[in-house]
Amino acid sequence: MQATPNAFSVLSHPAPGASSGGRAANEAARPAPLLESAELLKGSKTVGIMHNGSLYRLQATKLGKLILTK
């Protein structure tokens, strides 16, 4: 079995009207950390995530998929 890498590259698509070479270009060059979903869920089916003052819910489905809702 092949080892799982500990980081992945983030693909960025510029927003309409965005200038090139900005923040997105710098972030795309740096690999993002990789987390296992089990680390986030910690044995639960649902976990709350606070982001910019809003509460989001990450939920694992019966089919093993993930749903993120606000």
PDB file of N, CA and C in Angstrom:
ATOM      1  N   MET A   1       0.844  -1.179   0.000  1.00  0.00           N
ATOM      2  CA  MET A   1       0.000   0.000   0.000  1.00  0.00           C
ATOM      3  C   MET A   1       0.886   1.238   0.000  1.00  0.00           C
ATOM      4  N   GLN A   2       0.544   2.205  -0.796  1.00  0.00           N
ATOM      5  CA  GLN A   2       1.342   3.423  -0.914  1.00  0.00           C
ATOM      6  C   GLN A   2       1.107   4.346   0.269  1.00  0.00           C
ATOM      7  N   ALA A   3       2.166   5.006   0.737  1.00  0.00           N
ATOM      8  CA  ALA A   3       2.062   5.922   1.877  1.00  0.00           C
ATOM      9  C   ALA A   3       1.236   7.143   1.499  1.00  0.00           C
ATOM     10  N   THR A   4       0.479   7.658   2.471  1.00  0.00           N
ATOM     11  CA  THR A   4      -0.341   8.844   2.254  1.00  0.00           C
ATOM     12  C   THR A   4       0.519  10.084   2.452  1.00  0.00           C
ATOM     13  N   PRO A   5       0.539  11.023   1.500  1.00  0.00           N
ATOM     14  CA  PRO A   5       1.328  12.249   1.686  1.00  0.00           C
ATOM     15  C   PRO A   5       0.741  13.083   2.815  1.00  0.00           C
ATOM     16  N   ASN A   6       1.575  13.922   3.424  1.00  0.00           N
ATOM     17  CA  ASN A   6       1.097  14.725   4.547  1.00  0.00           C
ATOM     18  C   ASN A   6       0.717  16.144   4.130  1.00  0.00           C
ATOM     19  N   ALA A   7       0.686  16.437   2.854  1.00  0.00           N
ATOM     20  CA  ALA A   7       0.273  17.756   2.373  1.00  0.00           C
ATOM     21  C   ALA A   7      -0.255  17.611   0.950  1.00  0.00           C
ATOM     22  N   PHE A   8      -1.051  18.570   0.529  1.00  0.00           N
ATOM     23  CA  PHE A   8      -1.538  18.576  -0.836  1.00  0.00           C
ATOM     24  C   PHE A   8      -1.481  19.997  -1.368  1.00  0.00           C
ATOM     25  N   SER A   9      -1.481  20.155  -2.676  1.00  0.00           N
ATOM     26  CA  SER A   9      -1.441  21.478  -3.279  1.00  0.00           C
ATOM     27  C   SER A   9      -2.849  21.992  -3.475  1.00  0.00           C
ATOM     28  N   VAL A  10      -3.042  23.271  -3.242  1.00  0.00           N
ATOM     29  CA  VAL A  10      -4.344  23.902  -3.395  1.00  0.00           C
ATOM     30  C   VAL A  10      -4.414  24.514  -4.782  1.00  0.00           C
ATOM     31  N   LEU A  11      -5.444  24.164  -5.528  1.00  0.00           N
ATOM     32  CA  LEU A  11      -5.659  24.763  -6.841  1.00  0.00           C
ATOM     33  C   LEU A  11      -6.442  26.046  -6.647  1.00  0.00           C
ATOM     34  N   SER A  12      -5.987  27.095  -7.282  1.00  0.00           N
ATOM     35  CA  SER A  12      -6.706  28.357  -7.130  1.00  0.00           C
ATOM     36  C   SER A  12      -7.211  28.829  -8.489  1.00  0.00           C
ATOM     37  N   HIS A  13      -8.397  29.377  -8.464  1.00  0.00           N
ATOM     38  CA  HIS A  13      -9.002  29.956  -9.649  1.00  0.00           C
ATOM     39  C   HIS A  13      -9.303  31.404  -9.320  1.00  0.00           C
ATOM     40  N   PRO A  14      -8.778  32.345 -10.101  1.00  0.00           N
ATOM     41  CA  PRO A  14      -9.011  33.752  -9.772  1.00  0.00           C
ATOM     42  C   PRO A  14     -10.480  34.124  -9.880  1.00  0.00           C
ATOM     43  N   ALA A  15     -10.912  34.956  -8.958  1.00  0.00           N
ATOM     44  CA  ALA A  15     -12.283  35.455  -8.992  1.00  0.00           C
ATOM     45  C   ALA A  15     -12.427  36.417 -10.169  1.00  0.00           C
ATOM     46  N   PRO A  16     -13.637  36.549 -10.717  1.00  0.00           N
ATOM     47  CA  PRO A  16     -13.836  37.490 -11.823  1.00  0.00           C
ATOM     48  C   PRO A  16     -13.392  38.889 -11.401  1.00  0.00           C
ATOM     49  N   GLY A  17     -12.572  39.502 -12.239  1.00  0.00           N
ATOM     50  CA  GLY A  17     -12.098  40.861 -11.961  1.00  0.00           C
ATOM     51  C   GLY A  17     -10.879  40.908 -11.060  1.00  0.00           C
ATOM     52  N   ALA A  18     -10.396  39.760 -10.601  1.00  0.00           N
ATOM     53  CA  ALA A  18      -9.220  39.748  -9.721  1.00  0.00           C
ATOM     54  C   ALA A  18      -7.960  39.902 -10.554  1.00  0.00           C
ATOM     55  N   SER A  19      -6.994  40.608 -10.002  1.00  0.00           N
ATOM     56  CA  SER A  19      -5.726  40.772 -10.695  1.00  0.00           C
ATOM     57  C   SER A  19      -4.863  39.556 -10.444  1.00  0.00           C
ATOM     58  N   SER A  20      -3.991  39.234 -11.385  1.00  0.00           N
ATOM     59  CA  SER A  20      -3.133  38.061 -11.214  1.00  0.00           C
ATOM     60  C   SER A  20      -1.928  38.412 -10.353  1.00  0.00           C
ATOM     61  N   GLY A  21      -1.327  37.380  -9.753  1.00  0.00           N
ATOM     62  CA  GLY A  21      -0.134  37.588  -8.949  1.00  0.00           C
ATOM     63  C   GLY A  21      -0.417  38.035  -7.533  1.00  0.00           C
ATOM     64  N   GLY A  22      -1.662  37.977  -7.098  1.00  0.00           N
ATOM     65  CA  GLY A  22      -2.029  38.422  -5.757  1.00  0.00           C
ATOM     66  C   GLY A  22      -1.901  37.326  -4.732  1.00  0.00           C
ATOM     67  N   ARG A  23      -2.727  37.386  -3.705  1.00  0.00           N
ATOM     68  CA  ARG A  23      -2.686  36.454  -2.585  1.00  0.00           C
ATOM     69  C   ARG A  23      -2.900  35.008  -3.028  1.00  0.00           C
ATOM     70  N   ALA A  24      -3.822  34.767  -3.954  1.00  0.00           N
ATOM     71  CA  ALA A  24      -4.116  33.404  -4.394  1.00  0.00           C
ATOM     72  C   ALA A  24      -2.894  32.750  -5.025  1.00  0.00           C
ATOM     73  N   ALA A  25      -2.114  33.499  -5.774  1.00  0.00           N
ATOM     74  CA  ALA A  25      -0.916  32.953  -6.407  1.00  0.00           C
ATOM     75  C   ALA A  25       0.097  32.534  -5.356  1.00  0.00           C
ATOM     76  N   ASN A  26       0.241  33.300  -4.300  1.00  0.00           N
ATOM     77  CA  ASN A  26       1.177  32.947  -3.229  1.00  0.00           C
ATOM     78  C   ASN A  26       0.703  31.726  -2.466  1.00  0.00           C
ATOM     79  N   GLU A  27      -0.594  31.593  -2.202  1.00  0.00           N
ATOM     80  CA  GLU A  27      -1.127  30.455  -1.462  1.00  0.00           C
ATOM     81  C   GLU A  27      -1.031  29.168  -2.268  1.00  0.00           C
ATOM     82  N   ALA A  28      -1.184  29.250  -3.577  1.00  0.00           N
ATOM     83  CA  ALA A  28      -1.155  28.058  -4.415  1.00  0.00           C
ATOM     84  C   ALA A  28       0.234  27.424  -4.416  1.00  0.00           C
ATOM     85  N   ALA A  29       1.282  28.215  -4.256  1.00  0.00           N
ATOM     86  CA  ALA A  29       2.646  27.704  -4.276  1.00  0.00           C
ATOM     87  C   ALA A  29       2.993  26.969  -2.983  1.00  0.00           C
ATOM     88  N   ARG A  30       2.261  27.217  -1.914  1.00  0.00           N
ATOM     89  CA  ARG A  30       2.553  26.606  -0.618  1.00  0.00           C
ATOM     90  C   ARG A  30       1.585  25.445  -0.388  1.00  0.00           C
ATOM     91  N   PRO A  31       2.104  24.238  -0.081  1.00  0.00           N
ATOM     92  CA  PRO A  31       1.199  23.108   0.150  1.00  0.00           C
ATOM     93  C   PRO A  31       0.366  23.309   1.419  1.00  0.00           C
ATOM     94  N   ALA A  32      -0.878  22.886   1.355  1.00  0.00           N
ATOM     95  CA  ALA A  32      -1.791  23.001   2.499  1.00  0.00           C
ATOM     96  C   ALA A  32      -1.647  21.762   3.374  1.00  0.00           C
ATOM     97  N   PRO A  33      -1.833  21.905   4.690  1.00  0.00           N
ATOM     98  CA  PRO A  33      -1.747  20.726   5.561  1.00  0.00           C
ATOM     99  C   PRO A  33      -2.867  19.727   5.253  1.00  0.00           C
ATOM    100  N   LEU A  34      -2.579  18.458   5.468  1.00  0.00           N
ATOM    101  CA  LEU A  34      -3.546  17.391   5.212  1.00  0.00           C
ATOM    102  C   LEU A  34      -3.976  16.787   6.541  1.00  0.00           C
ATOM    103  N   LEU A  35      -5.272  16.736   6.789  1.00  0.00           N
ATOM    104  CA  LEU A  35      -5.826  16.141   8.002  1.00  0.00           C
ATOM    105  C   LEU A  35      -6.747  14.992   7.617  1.00  0.00           C
ATOM    106  N   GLU A  36      -6.731  13.947   8.401  1.00  0.00           N
ATOM    107  CA  GLU A  36      -7.686  12.857   8.227  1.00  0.00           C
ATOM    108  C   GLU A  36      -9.030  13.312   8.788  1.00  0.00           C
ATOM    109  N   SER A  37     -10.122  12.939   8.148  1.00  0.00           N
ATOM    110  CA  SER A  37     -11.443  13.321   8.639  1.00  0.00           C
ATOM    111  C   SER A  37     -11.676  12.775  10.049  1.00  0.00           C
ATOM    112  N   ALA A  38     -11.116  11.616  10.353  1.00  0.00           N
ATOM    113  CA  ALA A  38     -11.256  11.031  11.688  1.00  0.00           C
ATOM    114  C   ALA A  38     -10.649  11.935  12.760  1.00  0.00           C
ATOM    115  N   GLU A  39      -9.588  12.681  12.409  1.00  0.00           N
ATOM    116  CA  GLU A  39      -8.986  13.627  13.356  1.00  0.00           C
ATOM    117  C   GLU A  39      -9.950  14.762  13.676  1.00  0.00           C
ATOM    118  N   LEU A  40     -10.701  15.203  12.684  1.00  0.00           N
ATOM    119  CA  LEU A  40     -11.661  16.290  12.887  1.00  0.00           C
ATOM    120  C   LEU A  40     -12.912  15.808  13.616  1.00  0.00           C
ATOM    121  N   LEU A  41     -13.412  14.650  13.218  1.00  0.00           N
ATOM    122  CA  LEU A  41     -14.668  14.151  13.773  1.00  0.00           C
ATOM    123  C   LEU A  41     -14.501  13.488  15.140  1.00  0.00           C
ATOM    124  N   LYS A  42     -13.325  12.932  15.419  1.00  0.00           N
ATOM    125  CA  LYS A  42     -13.017  12.297  16.712  1.00  0.00           C
ATOM    126  C   LYS A  42     -14.104  11.325  17.169  1.00  0.00           C
ATOM    127  N   GLY A  43     -14.514  10.419  16.280  1.00  0.00           N
ATOM    128  CA  GLY A  43     -15.492   9.403  16.621  1.00  0.00           C
ATOM    129  C   GLY A  43     -16.945   9.834  16.519  1.00  0.00           C
ATOM    130  N   SER A  44     -17.199  11.088  16.241  1.00  0.00           N
ATOM    131  CA  SER A  44     -18.557  11.605  16.122  1.00  0.00           C
ATOM    132  C   SER A  44     -18.959  11.652  14.648  1.00  0.00           C
ATOM    133  N   LYS A  45     -20.244  11.766  14.386  1.00  0.00           N
ATOM    134  CA  LYS A  45     -20.716  11.914  13.001  1.00  0.00           C
ATOM    135  C   LYS A  45     -20.728  13.379  12.565  1.00  0.00           C
ATOM    136  N   THR A  46     -20.739  14.303  13.532  1.00  0.00           N
ATOM    137  CA  THR A  46     -20.849  15.732  13.235  1.00  0.00           C
ATOM    138  C   THR A  46     -19.901  16.523  14.124  1.00  0.00           C
ATOM    139  N   VAL A  47     -19.328  17.572  13.557  1.00  0.00           N
ATOM    140  CA  VAL A  47     -18.478  18.483  14.326  1.00  0.00           C
ATOM    141  C   VAL A  47     -18.784  19.916  13.887  1.00  0.00           C
ATOM    142  N   GLY A  48     -18.770  20.837  14.848  1.00  0.00           N
ATOM    143  CA  GLY A  48     -18.970  22.250  14.540  1.00  0.00           C
ATOM    144  C   GLY A  48     -17.635  22.920  14.270  1.00  0.00           C
ATOM    145  N   ILE A  49     -17.623  23.841  13.305  1.00  0.00           N
ATOM    146  CA  ILE A  49     -16.416  24.573  12.940  1.00  0.00           C
ATOM    147  C   ILE A  49     -16.753  26.059  12.913  1.00  0.00           C
ATOM    148  N   MET A  50     -16.058  26.855  13.722  1.00  0.00           N
ATOM    149  CA  MET A  50     -16.237  28.311  13.687  1.00  0.00           C
ATOM    150  C   MET A  50     -15.300  28.882  12.633  1.00  0.00           C
ATOM    151  N   HIS A  51     -15.846  29.704  11.735  1.00  0.00           N
ATOM    152  CA  HIS A  51     -15.051  30.328  10.673  1.00  0.00           C
ATOM    153  C   HIS A  51     -15.552  31.744  10.453  1.00  0.00           C
ATOM    154  N   ASN A  52     -14.692  32.714  10.693  1.00  0.00           N
ATOM    155  CA  ASN A  52     -15.036  34.133  10.518  1.00  0.00           C
ATOM    156  C   ASN A  52     -16.327  34.509  11.246  1.00  0.00           C
ATOM    157  N   GLY A  53     -16.483  33.993  12.464  1.00  0.00           N
ATOM    158  CA  GLY A  53     -17.650  34.336  13.274  1.00  0.00           C
ATOM    159  C   GLY A  53     -18.916  33.575  12.943  1.00  0.00           C
ATOM    160  N   SER A  54     -18.861  32.661  11.993  1.00  0.00           N
ATOM    161  CA  SER A  54     -20.032  31.850  11.631  1.00  0.00           C
ATOM    162  C   SER A  54     -19.778  30.394  12.000  1.00  0.00           C
ATOM    163  N   LEU A  55     -20.849  29.719  12.406  1.00  0.00           N
ATOM    164  CA  LEU A  55     -20.762  28.309  12.756  1.00  0.00           C
ATOM    165  C   LEU A  55     -21.117  27.452  11.553  1.00  0.00           C
ATOM    166  N   TYR A  56     -20.227  26.524  11.212  1.00  0.00           N
ATOM    167  CA  TYR A  56     -20.455  25.572  10.133  1.00  0.00           C
ATOM    168  C   TYR A  56     -20.530  24.188  10.754  1.00  0.00           C
ATOM    169  N   ARG A  57     -21.175  23.250  10.059  1.00  0.00           N
ATOM    170  CA  ARG A  57     -21.283  21.876  10.533  1.00  0.00           C
ATOM    171  C   ARG A  57     -20.693  20.948   9.483  1.00  0.00           C
ATOM    172  N   LEU A  58     -19.722  20.119   9.905  1.00  0.00           N
ATOM    173  CA  LEU A  58     -19.143  19.095   9.051  1.00  0.00           C
ATOM    174  C   LEU A  58     -19.753  17.773   9.483  1.00  0.00           C
ATOM    175  N   GLN A  59     -20.397  17.084   8.548  1.00  0.00           N
ATOM    176  CA  GLN A  59     -21.132  15.864   8.870  1.00  0.00           C
ATOM    177  C   GLN A  59     -20.695  14.724   7.962  1.00  0.00           C
ATOM    178  N   ALA A  60     -20.460  13.545   8.551  1.00  0.00           N
ATOM    179  CA  ALA A  60     -20.157  12.337   7.790  1.00  0.00           C
ATOM    180  C   ALA A  60     -21.466  11.614   7.499  1.00  0.00           C
ATOM    181  N   THR A  61     -21.662  11.205   6.256  1.00  0.00           N
ATOM    182  CA  THR A  61     -22.881  10.500   5.870  1.00  0.00           C
ATOM    183  C   THR A  61     -22.710   8.994   6.047  1.00  0.00           C
ATOM    184  N   LYS A  62     -23.802   8.261   5.928  1.00  0.00           N
ATOM    185  CA  LYS A  62     -23.766   6.800   6.023  1.00  0.00           C
ATOM    186  C   LYS A  62     -22.931   6.185   4.900  1.00  0.00           C
ATOM    187  N   LEU A  63     -22.837   6.887   3.771  1.00  0.00           N
ATOM    188  CA  LEU A  63     -22.072   6.391   2.627  1.00  0.00           C
ATOM    189  C   LEU A  63     -20.608   6.811   2.668  1.00  0.00           C
ATOM    190  N   GLY A  64     -20.189   7.460   3.761  1.00  0.00           N
ATOM    191  CA  GLY A  64     -18.785   7.838   3.908  1.00  0.00           C
ATOM    192  C   GLY A  64     -18.406   9.143   3.246  1.00  0.00           C
ATOM    193  N   LYS A  65     -19.375   9.938   2.878  1.00  0.00           N
ATOM    194  CA  LYS A  65     -19.100  11.253   2.266  1.00  0.00           C
ATOM    195  C   LYS A  65     -19.145  12.316   3.366  1.00  0.00           C
ATOM    196  N   LEU A  66     -18.644  13.511   3.050  1.00  0.00           N
ATOM    197  CA  LEU A  66     -18.671  14.636   3.988  1.00  0.00           C
ATOM    198  C   LEU A  66     -19.545  15.748   3.439  1.00  0.00           C
ATOM    199  N   ILE A  67     -20.311  16.371   4.327  1.00  0.00           N
ATOM    200  CA  ILE A  67     -21.163  17.510   3.982  1.00  0.00           C
ATOM    201  C   ILE A  67     -20.793  18.659   4.899  1.00  0.00           C
ATOM    202  N   LEU A  68     -20.516  19.821   4.338  1.00  0.00           N
ATOM    203  CA  LEU A  68     -20.238  21.034   5.116  1.00  0.00           C
ATOM    204  C   LEU A  68     -21.381  22.006   4.887  1.00  0.00           C
ATOM    205  N   THR A  69     -22.076  22.387   5.967  1.00  0.00           N
ATOM    206  CA  THR A  69     -23.197  23.313   5.864  1.00  0.00           C
ATOM    207  C   THR A  69     -23.008  24.478   6.819  1.00  0.00           C
ATOM    208  N   LYS A  70     -23.623  25.598   6.486  1.00  0.00           N
ATOM    209  CA  LYS A  70     -23.568  26.797   7.312  1.00  0.00           C
ATOM    210  C   LYS A  70     -24.800  26.869   8.166  1.00  0.00           C
TER     211      LYS A  70
END
